[in-house]
Amino acid sequence: MDMAKRRNLPVITFVDTLGAAPTIESERRGQSNQIARAIQAIRNHDKPVISVVTGGLGSGGGMAITNISPEFLALDDAQIWVAEPKSASSILHKIAQPTVEMVKHMLKEMKCTPFDIKKLGYPLRIIKSEEDLRNTIRNIRFAVLQSYQRQNGYGETKLHKLRTRIYRSMGKKAIKISQDQTVSKGGYISD
């Protein structure tokens, strides 16, 4: 991001990560601060920043390299989550090694397909993943060019305002979704 800012260039990221390492050692090394700085750098970049989720977008580590606003792109078979499903299942069931069935159930409950995320109101454009990889690449290229043209037309000031507004509204949505999905007894996800 620093080099792109110095050279006045747009940025394209391709995202496929489970996310940040959930360890105390990672936190001691400043993982949270680095994630926050990366998100801020994306938000404050003067030129278009285009992110394509090609596999998984997980937790803070994924968010650190994904520009959510004014839109982000994802293949239709990608997965997007706040916590990696195995970790989330482990937390929910209070066991170190959840069963495959527990993880599958968690994955379903998390509603982490691009279609689910779009229904929640996030600014996501879904790209069709094809059997033939060349067609998928063409679809990605077309979507990236469209996103670049839209963002480049905003101008720096409008792009900054739009990113700020979308990031703030996402925080409000996340809080509302969290409140809607928890039940008063034990804080478990409702069925």
C-alpha atoms as a PDB file:
ATOM      1  CA  MET A   1       0.000   0.000   0.000  1.00  0.00           C
ATOM      2  CA  ASP A   2       2.827   2.387   0.820  1.00  0.00           C
ATOM      3  CA  MET A   3       4.441   1.909  -2.593  1.00  0.00           C
ATOM      4  CA  ALA A   4       1.102   2.324  -4.379  1.00  0.00           C
ATOM      5  CA  LYS A   5       0.452   5.524  -2.436  1.00  0.00           C
ATOM      6  CA  ARG A   6       3.919   6.918  -3.254  1.00  0.00           C
ATOM      7  CA  ARG A   7       3.498   6.108  -6.940  1.00  0.00           C
ATOM      8  CA  ASN A   8      -0.164   7.142  -7.100  1.00  0.00           C
ATOM      9  CA  LEU A   9      -1.322   3.689  -8.246  1.00  0.00           C
ATOM     10  CA  PRO A  10      -4.502   1.695  -7.733  1.00  0.00           C
ATOM     11  CA  VAL A  11      -4.279  -1.546  -5.727  1.00  0.00           C
ATOM     12  CA  ILE A  12      -5.772  -4.961  -6.481  1.00  0.00           C
ATOM     13  CA  THR A  13      -5.769  -7.682  -3.836  1.00  0.00           C
ATOM     14  CA  PHE A  14      -6.667 -11.335  -4.312  1.00  0.00           C
ATOM     15  CA  VAL A  15      -7.836 -12.813  -1.027  1.00  0.00           C
ATOM     16  CA  ASP A  16      -7.749 -16.427   0.090  1.00  0.00           C
ATOM     17  CA  THR A  17      -6.978 -16.672   3.798  1.00  0.00           C
ATOM     18  CA  LEU A  18      -8.431 -18.289   6.899  1.00  0.00           C
ATOM     19  CA  GLY A  19      -7.462 -15.119   8.683  1.00  0.00           C
ATOM     20  CA  ALA A  20      -5.190 -14.022  11.457  1.00  0.00           C
ATOM     21  CA  ALA A  21      -3.483 -16.548  13.720  1.00  0.00           C
ATOM     22  CA  PRO A  22      -5.524 -16.817  16.940  1.00  0.00           C
ATOM     23  CA  THR A  23      -2.516 -17.112  19.233  1.00  0.00           C
ATOM     24  CA  ILE A  24      -1.192 -15.112  22.157  1.00  0.00           C
ATOM     25  CA  GLU A  25       2.228 -14.985  20.495  1.00  0.00           C
ATOM     26  CA  SER A  26       0.718 -13.361  17.382  1.00  0.00           C
ATOM     27  CA  GLU A  27      -0.905 -10.728  19.563  1.00  0.00           C
ATOM     28  CA  ARG A  28       2.376 -10.099  21.383  1.00  0.00           C
ATOM     29  CA  ARG A  29       4.006  -9.418  18.026  1.00  0.00           C
ATOM     30  CA  GLY A  30       1.391  -6.740  17.321  1.00  0.00           C
ATOM     31  CA  GLN A  31      -0.912  -8.603  14.944  1.00  0.00           C
ATOM     32  CA  SER A  32      -3.992  -6.529  15.872  1.00  0.00           C
ATOM     33  CA  ASN A  33      -2.146  -3.245  15.348  1.00  0.00           C
ATOM     34  CA  GLN A  34      -0.864  -4.376  11.951  1.00  0.00           C
ATOM     35  CA  ILE A  35      -4.368  -5.405  10.886  1.00  0.00           C
ATOM     36  CA  ALA A  36      -5.788  -2.045  12.007  1.00  0.00           C
ATOM     37  CA  ARG A  37      -3.031  -0.150  10.151  1.00  0.00           C
ATOM     38  CA  ALA A  38      -3.650  -2.155   6.967  1.00  0.00           C
ATOM     39  CA  ILE A  39      -7.395  -1.483   7.098  1.00  0.00           C
ATOM     40  CA  GLN A  40      -6.734   2.213   7.659  1.00  0.00           C
ATOM     41  CA  ALA A  41      -4.240   2.321   4.760  1.00  0.00           C
ATOM     42  CA  ILE A  42      -6.843   0.810   2.435  1.00  0.00           C
ATOM     43  CA  ARG A  43      -9.523   3.199   3.643  1.00  0.00           C
ATOM     44  CA  ASN A  44      -7.249   6.233   3.181  1.00  0.00           C
ATOM     45  CA  HIS A  45      -5.751   5.275  -0.179  1.00  0.00           C
ATOM     46  CA  ASP A  46      -6.361   7.999  -2.790  1.00  0.00           C
ATOM     47  CA  LYS A  47      -6.825   5.657  -5.737  1.00  0.00           C
ATOM     48  CA  PRO A  48      -9.116   2.694  -6.374  1.00  0.00           C
ATOM     49  CA  VAL A  49      -8.526  -0.389  -4.229  1.00  0.00           C
ATOM     50  CA  ILE A  50     -10.137  -3.519  -5.635  1.00  0.00           C
ATOM     51  CA  SER A  51     -10.344  -6.756  -3.692  1.00  0.00           C
ATOM     52  CA  VAL A  52     -11.330 -10.135  -5.107  1.00  0.00           C
ATOM     53  CA  VAL A  53     -12.117 -12.983  -2.708  1.00  0.00           C
ATOM     54  CA  THR A  54     -11.064 -16.072  -4.637  1.00  0.00           C
ATOM     55  CA  GLY A  55     -11.294 -18.619  -1.813  1.00  0.00           C
ATOM     56  CA  GLY A  56     -11.776 -17.543   1.778  1.00  0.00           C
ATOM     57  CA  LEU A  57     -11.929 -14.211   3.548  1.00  0.00           C
ATOM     58  CA  GLY A  58     -11.464 -14.905   7.211  1.00  0.00           C
ATOM     59  CA  SER A  59     -11.401 -12.657  10.247  1.00  0.00           C
ATOM     60  CA  GLY A  60      -9.127  -9.669  10.749  1.00  0.00           C
ATOM     61  CA  GLY A  61      -6.345 -11.129   8.643  1.00  0.00           C
ATOM     62  CA  GLY A  62      -8.656 -11.256   5.662  1.00  0.00           C
ATOM     63  CA  MET A  63     -10.123  -7.847   6.350  1.00  0.00           C
ATOM     64  CA  ALA A  64      -6.631  -6.350   6.468  1.00  0.00           C
ATOM     65  CA  ILE A  65      -6.134  -7.073   2.764  1.00  0.00           C
ATOM     66  CA  THR A  66      -9.697  -6.586   1.549  1.00  0.00           C
ATOM     67  CA  ASN A  67     -11.179  -3.274   0.531  1.00  0.00           C
ATOM     68  CA  ILE A  68     -14.858  -3.489   1.424  1.00  0.00           C
ATOM     69  CA  SER A  69     -15.870  -0.169   0.013  1.00  0.00           C
ATOM     70  CA  PRO A  70     -17.298   1.041  -2.179  1.00  0.00           C
ATOM     71  CA  GLU A  71     -17.653  -2.632  -3.104  1.00  0.00           C
ATOM     72  CA  PHE A  72     -15.695  -5.835  -3.051  1.00  0.00           C
ATOM     73  CA  LEU A  73     -15.724  -8.773  -5.402  1.00  0.00           C
ATOM     74  CA  ALA A  74     -15.996 -12.485  -4.661  1.00  0.00           C
ATOM     75  CA  LEU A  75     -16.217 -15.656  -6.688  1.00  0.00           C
ATOM     76  CA  ASP A  76     -19.595 -17.312  -6.223  1.00  0.00           C
ATOM     77  CA  ASP A  77     -17.978 -20.317  -4.514  1.00  0.00           C
ATOM     78  CA  ALA A  78     -15.888 -18.279  -2.042  1.00  0.00           C
ATOM     79  CA  GLN A  79     -16.458 -18.271   1.725  1.00  0.00           C
ATOM     80  CA  ILE A  80     -16.535 -15.152   3.910  1.00  0.00           C
ATOM     81  CA  TRP A  81     -16.568 -15.303   7.708  1.00  0.00           C
ATOM     82  CA  VAL A  82     -15.662 -13.391  10.841  1.00  0.00           C
ATOM     83  CA  ALA A  83     -14.149 -16.443  12.531  1.00  0.00           C
ATOM     84  CA  GLU A  84     -12.872 -19.551  10.779  1.00  0.00           C
ATOM     85  CA  PRO A  85     -15.648 -22.172  11.173  1.00  0.00           C
ATOM     86  CA  LYS A  86     -13.539 -24.682  13.104  1.00  0.00           C
ATOM     87  CA  SER A  87     -12.449 -22.003  15.584  1.00  0.00           C
ATOM     88  CA  ALA A  88     -15.995 -20.686  15.909  1.00  0.00           C
ATOM     89  CA  SER A  89     -17.301 -24.206  16.503  1.00  0.00           C
ATOM     90  CA  SER A  90     -14.611 -24.793  19.112  1.00  0.00           C
ATOM     91  CA  ILE A  91     -15.631 -21.617  20.954  1.00  0.00           C
ATOM     92  CA  LEU A  92     -19.354 -22.323  20.728  1.00  0.00           C
ATOM     93  CA  HIS A  93     -19.099 -25.938  21.920  1.00  0.00           C
ATOM     94  CA  LYS A  94     -16.262 -25.198  24.369  1.00  0.00           C
ATOM     95  CA  ILE A  95     -14.049 -28.029  23.091  1.00  0.00           C
ATOM     96  CA  ALA A  96     -10.592 -27.952  21.514  1.00  0.00           C
ATOM     97  CA  GLN A  97     -11.359 -30.287  18.597  1.00  0.00           C
ATOM     98  CA  PRO A  98     -14.942 -30.046  17.316  1.00  0.00           C
ATOM     99  CA  THR A  99     -16.259 -32.883  15.167  1.00  0.00           C
ATOM    100  CA  VAL A 100     -16.656 -32.554  11.406  1.00  0.00           C
ATOM    101  CA  GLU A 101     -20.438 -32.445  11.922  1.00  0.00           C
ATOM    102  CA  MET A 102     -20.094 -29.556  14.383  1.00  0.00           C
ATOM    103  CA  VAL A 103     -17.951 -27.599  11.913  1.00  0.00           C
ATOM    104  CA  LYS A 104     -20.361 -28.288   9.019  1.00  0.00           C
ATOM    105  CA  HIS A 105     -23.280 -27.112  11.170  1.00  0.00           C
ATOM    106  CA  MET A 106     -21.327 -23.979  12.111  1.00  0.00           C
ATOM    107  CA  LEU A 107     -20.522 -23.291   8.468  1.00  0.00           C
ATOM    108  CA  LYS A 108     -24.221 -23.520   7.594  1.00  0.00           C
ATOM    109  CA  GLU A 109     -25.273 -21.316  10.529  1.00  0.00           C
ATOM    110  CA  MET A 110     -22.644 -18.690   9.764  1.00  0.00           C
ATOM    111  CA  LYS A 111     -24.231 -18.000   6.375  1.00  0.00           C
ATOM    112  CA  CYS A 112     -20.879 -17.330   4.768  1.00  0.00           C
ATOM    113  CA  THR A 113     -21.504 -17.673   1.034  1.00  0.00           C
ATOM    114  CA  PRO A 114     -21.228 -14.506  -1.054  1.00  0.00           C
ATOM    115  CA  PHE A 115     -24.991 -14.717  -1.652  1.00  0.00           C
ATOM    116  CA  ASP A 116     -25.641 -14.746   2.121  1.00  0.00           C
ATOM    117  CA  ILE A 117     -23.291 -11.795   2.665  1.00  0.00           C
ATOM    118  CA  LYS A 118     -24.946  -9.803  -0.115  1.00  0.00           C
ATOM    119  CA  LYS A 119     -28.395 -10.459   1.425  1.00  0.00           C
ATOM    120  CA  LEU A 120     -27.106  -8.876   4.636  1.00  0.00           C
ATOM    121  CA  GLY A 121     -26.602  -5.647   2.704  1.00  0.00           C
ATOM    122  CA  TYR A 122     -22.835  -5.648   2.259  1.00  0.00           C
ATOM    123  CA  PRO A 123     -21.496  -4.006  -0.944  1.00  0.00           C
ATOM    124  CA  LEU A 124     -20.501  -7.245  -2.672  1.00  0.00           C
ATOM    125  CA  ARG A 125     -20.414  -8.045  -6.384  1.00  0.00           C
ATOM    126  CA  ILE A 126     -20.471 -11.763  -7.114  1.00  0.00           C
ATOM    127  CA  ILE A 127     -18.356 -13.183  -9.946  1.00  0.00           C
ATOM    128  CA  LYS A 128     -19.331 -16.443 -11.617  1.00  0.00           C
ATOM    129  CA  SER A 129     -16.785 -19.204 -11.146  1.00  0.00           C
ATOM    130  CA  GLU A 130     -16.678 -21.406 -14.240  1.00  0.00           C
ATOM    131  CA  GLU A 131     -15.592 -25.006 -14.795  1.00  0.00           C
ATOM    132  CA  ASP A 132     -13.032 -23.734 -17.318  1.00  0.00           C
ATOM    133  CA  LEU A 133     -10.456 -21.683 -15.387  1.00  0.00           C
ATOM    134  CA  ARG A 134      -9.868 -19.379 -18.391  1.00  0.00           C
ATOM    135  CA  ASN A 135     -13.520 -18.304 -18.280  1.00  0.00           C
ATOM    136  CA  THR A 136     -13.284 -17.635 -14.547  1.00  0.00           C
ATOM    137  CA  ILE A 137     -10.203 -15.490 -15.175  1.00  0.00           C
ATOM    138  CA  ARG A 138     -12.079 -13.565 -17.868  1.00  0.00           C
ATOM    139  CA  ASN A 139     -14.982 -13.012 -15.469  1.00  0.00           C
ATOM    140  CA  ILE A 140     -12.597 -11.731 -12.775  1.00  0.00           C
ATOM    141  CA  ARG A 141     -10.843  -9.439 -15.261  1.00  0.00           C
ATOM    142  CA  PHE A 142     -14.144  -7.968 -16.441  1.00  0.00           C
ATOM    143  CA  ALA A 143     -15.377  -7.387 -12.864  1.00  0.00           C
ATOM    144  CA  VAL A 144     -12.062  -5.813 -11.800  1.00  0.00           C
ATOM    145  CA  LEU A 145     -12.101  -3.432 -14.789  1.00  0.00           C
ATOM    146  CA  GLN A 146     -15.710  -2.428 -14.060  1.00  0.00           C
ATOM    147  CA  SER A 147     -14.899  -1.800 -10.400  1.00  0.00           C
ATOM    148  CA  TYR A 148     -11.824   0.235 -11.332  1.00  0.00           C
ATOM    149  CA  GLN A 149     -13.822   2.399 -13.734  1.00  0.00           C
ATOM    150  CA  ARG A 150     -16.534   3.041 -11.131  1.00  0.00           C
ATOM    151  CA  GLN A 151     -14.062   3.882  -8.349  1.00  0.00           C
ATOM    152  CA  ASN A 152     -11.825   5.972 -10.584  1.00  0.00           C
ATOM    153  CA  GLY A 153     -14.838   8.087 -11.545  1.00  0.00           C
ATOM    154  CA  TYR A 154     -15.525   9.070  -7.915  1.00  0.00           C
ATOM    155  CA  GLY A 155     -12.463  11.245  -7.374  1.00  0.00           C
ATOM    156  CA  GLU A 156     -10.333  11.210  -4.220  1.00  0.00           C
ATOM    157  CA  THR A 157     -12.606  13.204  -1.899  1.00  0.00           C
ATOM    158  CA  LYS A 158     -15.774  11.321  -2.796  1.00  0.00           C
ATOM    159  CA  LEU A 159     -13.934   7.982  -2.581  1.00  0.00           C
ATOM    160  CA  HIS A 160     -12.726   8.812   0.964  1.00  0.00           C
ATOM    161  CA  LYS A 161     -16.214   9.893   2.072  1.00  0.00           C
ATOM    162  CA  LEU A 162     -17.818   6.829   0.518  1.00  0.00           C
ATOM    163  CA  ARG A 163     -15.332   4.450   2.160  1.00  0.00           C
ATOM    164  CA  THR A 164     -15.806   6.095   5.548  1.00  0.00           C
ATOM    165  CA  ARG A 165     -19.594   5.934   5.283  1.00  0.00           C
ATOM    166  CA  ILE A 166     -19.591   2.283   4.211  1.00  0.00           C
ATOM    167  CA  TYR A 167     -17.120   1.176   6.905  1.00  0.00           C
ATOM    168  CA  ARG A 168     -19.213   2.891   9.580  1.00  0.00           C
ATOM    169  CA  SER A 169     -22.463   1.407   8.291  1.00  0.00           C
ATOM    170  CA  MET A 170     -20.825  -2.046   8.240  1.00  0.00           C
ATOM    171  CA  GLY A 171     -19.994  -1.727  11.920  1.00  0.00           C
ATOM    172  CA  LYS A 172     -23.608  -0.845  12.691  1.00  0.00           C
ATOM    173  CA  LYS A 173     -24.819  -3.815  10.585  1.00  0.00           C
ATOM    174  CA  ALA A 174     -22.430  -6.183  12.345  1.00  0.00           C
ATOM    175  CA  ILE A 175     -23.713  -5.080  15.753  1.00  0.00           C
ATOM    176  CA  LYS A 176     -27.349  -5.472  14.674  1.00  0.00           C
ATOM    177  CA  ILE A 177     -26.711  -8.910  13.149  1.00  0.00           C
ATOM    178  CA  SER A 178     -24.921  -9.986  16.301  1.00  0.00           C
ATOM    179  CA  GLN A 179     -27.804  -8.818  18.467  1.00  0.00           C
ATOM    180  CA  ASP A 180     -30.375 -10.493  16.209  1.00  0.00           C
ATOM    181  CA  GLN A 181     -28.536 -13.834  16.212  1.00  0.00           C
ATOM    182  CA  THR A 182     -27.878 -14.179  19.918  1.00  0.00           C
ATOM    183  CA  VAL A 183     -30.351 -15.396  22.438  1.00  0.00           C
ATOM    184  CA  SER A 184     -30.343 -14.191  25.994  1.00  0.00           C
ATOM    185  CA  LYS A 185     -29.508 -17.610  27.426  1.00  0.00           C
ATOM    186  CA  GLY A 186     -25.794 -18.323  27.065  1.00  0.00           C
ATOM    187  CA  GLY A 187     -25.276 -16.159  23.982  1.00  0.00           C
ATOM    188  CA  TYR A 188     -25.623 -19.041  21.517  1.00  0.00           C
ATOM    189  CA  ILE A 189     -26.608 -18.609  17.908  1.00  0.00           C
ATOM    190  CA  SER A 190     -30.333 -19.150  17.577  1.00  0.00           C
ATOM    191  CA  ASP A 191     -31.763 -21.763  15.186  1.00  0.00           C
END
